Amino acid sequence: MAEGDGAISAHRKGFGTRSMFVGRKMFAVLDRTGELVVKLPPERVAELIAGRIGRGWSPGVGAPLKEYLAIPFTHRKRWAEFAREARAYMGEKGE
């Protein structure tokens, strides 16, 4: 698959670390704390925060970004589920 046709590249840099992309859109990254960070619709992020699945995430100093959720290692059994959800969300956004 070529990059523009929905291919995933797990070895590109995003937020200063290796990230997963669909086309040119980043959908997940394992951050420096060992949490899986996924990009989801803001409403879904709020729902998962309220359900204590994860927390808001920021790539540096400042307020968490509304579309990003950091999921701790304690929920690792669900990481693949959330990564697939994030990939589908970002794939729908197109290039």
N, C-alpha and C. Protein backbone atom coordinates (compact mmCIF):
# COMPACT_ATOMS: atom_id res chain seq x y z
N MET A 1 0.83 -1.19 0.00
CA MET A 1 0.00 0.00 0.00
C MET A 1 0.87 1.24 0.00
N ALA A 2 0.49 2.22 -0.75
CA ALA A 2 1.20 3.49 -0.76
C ALA A 2 0.67 4.37 0.36
N GLU A 3 1.44 5.36 0.76
CA GLU A 3 1.07 6.20 1.89
C GLU A 3 -0.28 6.86 1.76
N GLY A 4 -0.67 7.30 0.62
CA GLY A 4 -1.91 8.04 0.46
C GLY A 4 -3.16 7.19 0.39
N ASP A 5 -3.03 5.85 0.37
CA ASP A 5 -4.21 5.01 0.20
C ASP A 5 -4.63 4.29 1.48
N GLY A 6 -4.40 4.89 2.62
CA GLY A 6 -4.83 4.31 3.88
C GLY A 6 -3.79 3.42 4.53
N ALA A 7 -2.57 3.42 4.02
CA ALA A 7 -1.53 2.59 4.59
C ALA A 7 -1.14 3.09 5.97
N ILE A 8 -0.71 2.16 6.80
CA ILE A 8 -0.22 2.51 8.13
C ILE A 8 1.29 2.45 8.11
N SER A 9 1.92 3.47 8.62
CA SER A 9 3.36 3.46 8.81
C SER A 9 3.62 3.62 10.29
N ALA A 10 4.15 2.61 10.95
CA ALA A 10 4.38 2.66 12.38
C ALA A 10 5.72 3.29 12.73
N HIS A 11 6.45 3.78 11.75
CA HIS A 11 7.80 4.25 12.02
C HIS A 11 8.05 5.67 11.57
N ARG A 12 7.06 6.52 11.68
CA ARG A 12 7.25 7.93 11.38
C ARG A 12 7.23 8.69 12.69
N LYS A 13 7.80 9.86 12.66
CA LYS A 13 7.84 10.66 13.89
C LYS A 13 6.63 11.58 13.97
N GLY A 14 6.08 11.68 15.15
CA GLY A 14 4.99 12.59 15.47
C GLY A 14 5.10 12.90 16.94
N PHE A 15 5.01 14.14 17.33
CA PHE A 15 5.19 14.56 18.72
C PHE A 15 6.54 14.08 19.25
N GLY A 16 7.56 14.06 18.39
CA GLY A 16 8.91 13.74 18.82
C GLY A 16 9.17 12.27 19.11
N THR A 17 8.28 11.39 18.73
CA THR A 17 8.44 9.97 18.98
C THR A 17 7.84 9.18 17.83
N ARG A 18 7.97 7.89 17.85
CA ARG A 18 7.39 7.06 16.78
C ARG A 18 5.88 7.01 16.95
N SER A 19 5.19 7.17 15.84
CA SER A 19 3.73 7.25 15.84
C SER A 19 3.16 6.38 14.74
N MET A 20 1.87 6.10 14.83
CA MET A 20 1.16 5.35 13.80
C MET A 20 0.31 6.31 12.99
N PHE A 21 0.35 6.12 11.68
CA PHE A 21 -0.36 7.00 10.76
C PHE A 21 -1.28 6.21 9.85
N VAL A 22 -2.37 6.84 9.44
CA VAL A 22 -3.17 6.36 8.33
C VAL A 22 -3.05 7.46 7.29
N GLY A 23 -2.45 7.14 6.15
CA GLY A 23 -2.12 8.19 5.19
C GLY A 23 -1.16 9.17 5.84
N ARG A 24 -1.54 10.43 5.89
CA ARG A 24 -0.70 11.46 6.52
C ARG A 24 -1.21 11.85 7.90
N LYS A 25 -2.21 11.16 8.39
CA LYS A 25 -2.83 11.51 9.66
C LYS A 25 -2.37 10.59 10.78
N MET A 26 -1.82 11.17 11.85
CA MET A 26 -1.41 10.39 13.02
C MET A 26 -2.66 9.97 13.80
N PHE A 27 -2.71 8.71 14.22
CA PHE A 27 -3.85 8.27 15.02
C PHE A 27 -3.45 7.69 16.36
N ALA A 28 -2.19 7.32 16.55
CA ALA A 28 -1.77 6.76 17.83
C ALA A 28 -0.27 6.91 18.02
N VAL A 29 0.14 6.95 19.29
CA VAL A 29 1.55 7.04 19.63
C VAL A 29 1.72 6.44 21.03
N LEU A 30 2.83 5.77 21.24
CA LEU A 30 3.19 5.32 22.57
C LEU A 30 4.08 6.42 23.13
N ASP A 31 3.58 7.13 24.14
CA ASP A 31 4.35 8.29 24.62
C ASP A 31 5.46 7.88 25.57
N ARG A 32 6.23 8.85 25.98
CA ARG A 32 7.43 8.58 26.79
C ARG A 32 7.11 8.00 28.16
N THR A 33 5.86 8.09 28.62
CA THR A 33 5.48 7.53 29.92
C THR A 33 5.00 6.09 29.79
N GLY A 34 4.88 5.58 28.56
CA GLY A 34 4.41 4.22 28.34
C GLY A 34 2.91 4.11 28.17
N GLU A 35 2.25 5.25 28.02
CA GLU A 35 0.81 5.24 27.77
C GLU A 35 0.56 5.25 26.27
N LEU A 36 -0.53 4.61 25.85
CA LEU A 36 -0.95 4.69 24.47
C LEU A 36 -1.80 5.95 24.32
N VAL A 37 -1.43 6.80 23.39
CA VAL A 37 -2.19 8.02 23.13
C VAL A 37 -2.89 7.84 21.79
N VAL A 38 -4.21 8.05 21.78
CA VAL A 38 -5.00 7.90 20.56
C VAL A 38 -5.75 9.19 20.28
N LYS A 39 -6.04 9.41 19.00
CA LYS A 39 -6.80 10.59 18.58
C LYS A 39 -8.21 10.13 18.21
N LEU A 40 -9.19 10.66 18.95
CA LEU A 40 -10.59 10.30 18.80
C LEU A 40 -11.45 11.56 18.79
N PRO A 41 -12.72 11.44 18.43
CA PRO A 41 -13.60 12.61 18.50
C PRO A 41 -13.66 13.15 19.93
N PRO A 42 -13.73 14.46 20.10
CA PRO A 42 -13.74 15.05 21.44
C PRO A 42 -14.81 14.46 22.37
N GLU A 43 -15.98 14.14 21.82
CA GLU A 43 -17.05 13.58 22.65
C GLU A 43 -16.65 12.21 23.18
N ARG A 44 -15.99 11.42 22.34
CA ARG A 44 -15.54 10.09 22.74
C ARG A 44 -14.44 10.19 23.79
N VAL A 45 -13.53 11.14 23.62
CA VAL A 45 -12.47 11.36 24.61
C VAL A 45 -13.10 11.70 25.96
N ALA A 46 -14.07 12.61 25.97
CA ALA A 46 -14.74 13.00 27.22
C ALA A 46 -15.43 11.80 27.86
N GLU A 47 -16.07 10.98 27.04
CA GLU A 47 -16.75 9.77 27.54
C GLU A 47 -15.76 8.81 28.20
N LEU A 48 -14.62 8.59 27.57
CA LEU A 48 -13.63 7.67 28.10
C LEU A 48 -12.94 8.23 29.35
N ILE A 49 -12.77 9.53 29.41
CA ILE A 49 -12.22 10.15 30.62
C ILE A 49 -13.21 9.97 31.77
N ALA A 50 -14.49 10.23 31.49
CA ALA A 50 -15.54 10.07 32.52
C ALA A 50 -15.62 8.62 32.99
N GLY A 51 -15.37 7.66 32.09
CA GLY A 51 -15.39 6.25 32.44
C GLY A 51 -14.08 5.75 33.05
N ARG A 52 -13.15 6.66 33.29
CA ARG A 52 -11.85 6.36 33.91
C ARG A 52 -11.00 5.38 33.11
N ILE A 53 -11.15 5.44 31.79
CA ILE A 53 -10.33 4.61 30.90
C ILE A 53 -8.99 5.30 30.62
N GLY A 54 -9.00 6.61 30.58
CA GLY A 54 -7.78 7.35 30.28
C GLY A 54 -7.90 8.78 30.77
N ARG A 55 -6.94 9.58 30.34
CA ARG A 55 -6.91 11.00 30.73
C ARG A 55 -6.63 11.85 29.50
N GLY A 56 -6.93 13.12 29.60
CA GLY A 56 -6.59 14.04 28.53
C GLY A 56 -5.08 14.08 28.37
N TRP A 57 -4.62 14.40 27.15
CA TRP A 57 -3.19 14.36 26.87
C TRP A 57 -2.74 15.61 26.14
N SER A 58 -1.54 16.05 26.49
CA SER A 58 -0.90 17.18 25.84
C SER A 58 0.52 16.76 25.48
N PRO A 59 1.03 17.19 24.31
CA PRO A 59 2.39 16.82 23.93
C PRO A 59 3.47 17.58 24.69
N GLY A 60 3.09 18.51 25.50
CA GLY A 60 4.06 19.30 26.26
C GLY A 60 3.36 20.02 27.39
N VAL A 61 3.81 21.20 27.65
CA VAL A 61 3.21 22.01 28.70
C VAL A 61 1.92 22.62 28.17
N GLY A 62 0.91 22.64 28.99
CA GLY A 62 -0.34 23.25 28.57
C GLY A 62 -1.52 22.32 28.75
N ALA A 63 -2.66 22.84 28.35
CA ALA A 63 -3.91 22.10 28.50
C ALA A 63 -3.94 20.88 27.57
N PRO A 64 -4.61 19.81 28.00
CA PRO A 64 -4.75 18.64 27.12
C PRO A 64 -5.46 19.02 25.82
N LEU A 65 -5.09 18.34 24.75
CA LEU A 65 -5.73 18.54 23.46
C LEU A 65 -7.05 17.79 23.44
N LYS A 66 -8.10 18.41 22.95
CA LYS A 66 -9.46 17.84 23.06
C LYS A 66 -9.66 16.52 22.33
N GLU A 67 -8.85 16.22 21.34
CA GLU A 67 -9.02 14.98 20.59
C GLU A 67 -8.05 13.87 21.02
N TYR A 68 -7.28 14.08 22.05
CA TYR A 68 -6.27 13.10 22.44
C TYR A 68 -6.56 12.49 23.81
N LEU A 69 -6.41 11.17 23.89
CA LEU A 69 -6.64 10.42 25.12
C LEU A 69 -5.41 9.57 25.40
N ALA A 70 -4.89 9.66 26.61
CA ALA A 70 -3.78 8.82 27.06
C ALA A 70 -4.37 7.66 27.85
N ILE A 71 -4.09 6.43 27.40
CA ILE A 71 -4.62 5.24 28.02
C ILE A 71 -3.48 4.52 28.73
N PRO A 72 -3.57 4.37 30.05
CA PRO A 72 -2.46 3.78 30.80
C PRO A 72 -2.26 2.29 30.52
N PHE A 73 -1.09 1.81 30.91
CA PHE A 73 -0.72 0.41 30.72
C PHE A 73 -1.70 -0.54 31.39
N THR A 74 -2.35 -0.09 32.45
CA THR A 74 -3.32 -0.94 33.15
C THR A 74 -4.49 -1.34 32.25
N HIS A 75 -4.74 -0.59 31.19
CA HIS A 75 -5.80 -0.89 30.23
C HIS A 75 -5.23 -1.45 28.92
N ARG A 76 -4.02 -1.99 28.96
CA ARG A 76 -3.33 -2.46 27.75
C ARG A 76 -4.11 -3.52 26.99
N LYS A 77 -4.94 -4.29 27.65
CA LYS A 77 -5.72 -5.32 26.95
C LYS A 77 -6.70 -4.71 25.96
N ARG A 78 -7.00 -3.43 26.12
CA ARG A 78 -7.93 -2.74 25.22
C ARG A 78 -7.22 -1.81 24.23
N TRP A 79 -5.89 -1.74 24.30
CA TRP A 79 -5.15 -0.83 23.43
C TRP A 79 -5.45 -1.07 21.96
N ALA A 80 -5.48 -2.31 21.51
CA ALA A 80 -5.73 -2.60 20.09
C ALA A 80 -7.11 -2.10 19.69
N GLU A 81 -8.08 -2.29 20.56
CA GLU A 81 -9.45 -1.80 20.30
C GLU A 81 -9.47 -0.29 20.09
N PHE A 82 -8.80 0.44 20.98
CA PHE A 82 -8.78 1.90 20.86
C PHE A 82 -7.94 2.37 19.67
N ALA A 83 -6.87 1.66 19.36
CA ALA A 83 -6.05 2.00 18.19
C ALA A 83 -6.87 1.82 16.91
N ARG A 84 -7.65 0.74 16.82
CA ARG A 84 -8.51 0.54 15.64
C ARG A 84 -9.56 1.64 15.54
N GLU A 85 -10.13 2.03 16.67
CA GLU A 85 -11.13 3.10 16.68
C GLU A 85 -10.51 4.41 16.23
N ALA A 86 -9.31 4.70 16.70
CA ALA A 86 -8.62 5.94 16.31
C ALA A 86 -8.25 5.92 14.83
N ARG A 87 -7.80 4.76 14.34
CA ARG A 87 -7.45 4.65 12.92
C ARG A 87 -8.68 4.89 12.05
N ALA A 88 -9.80 4.32 12.43
CA ALA A 88 -11.04 4.52 11.66
C ALA A 88 -11.43 6.00 11.69
N TYR A 89 -11.34 6.63 12.85
CA TYR A 89 -11.69 8.06 12.98
C TYR A 89 -10.81 8.92 12.09
N MET A 90 -9.51 8.70 12.14
CA MET A 90 -8.61 9.52 11.34
C MET A 90 -8.69 9.17 9.86
N GLY A 91 -8.98 7.92 9.53
CA GLY A 91 -9.16 7.53 8.14
C GLY A 91 -10.35 8.22 7.50
N GLU A 92 -11.39 8.46 8.29
CA GLU A 92 -12.58 9.17 7.81
C GLU A 92 -12.28 10.64 7.54
N LYS A 93 -11.28 11.20 8.20
CA LYS A 93 -10.96 12.62 8.02
C LYS A 93 -10.27 12.89 6.69
N GLY A 94 -9.79 11.84 6.02
CA GLY A 94 -9.14 12.03 4.72
C GLY A 94 -7.82 12.73 4.82
N GLU A 95 -7.28 13.06 3.68
CA GLU A 95 -5.99 13.75 3.62
C GLU A 95 -6.23 15.16 3.97
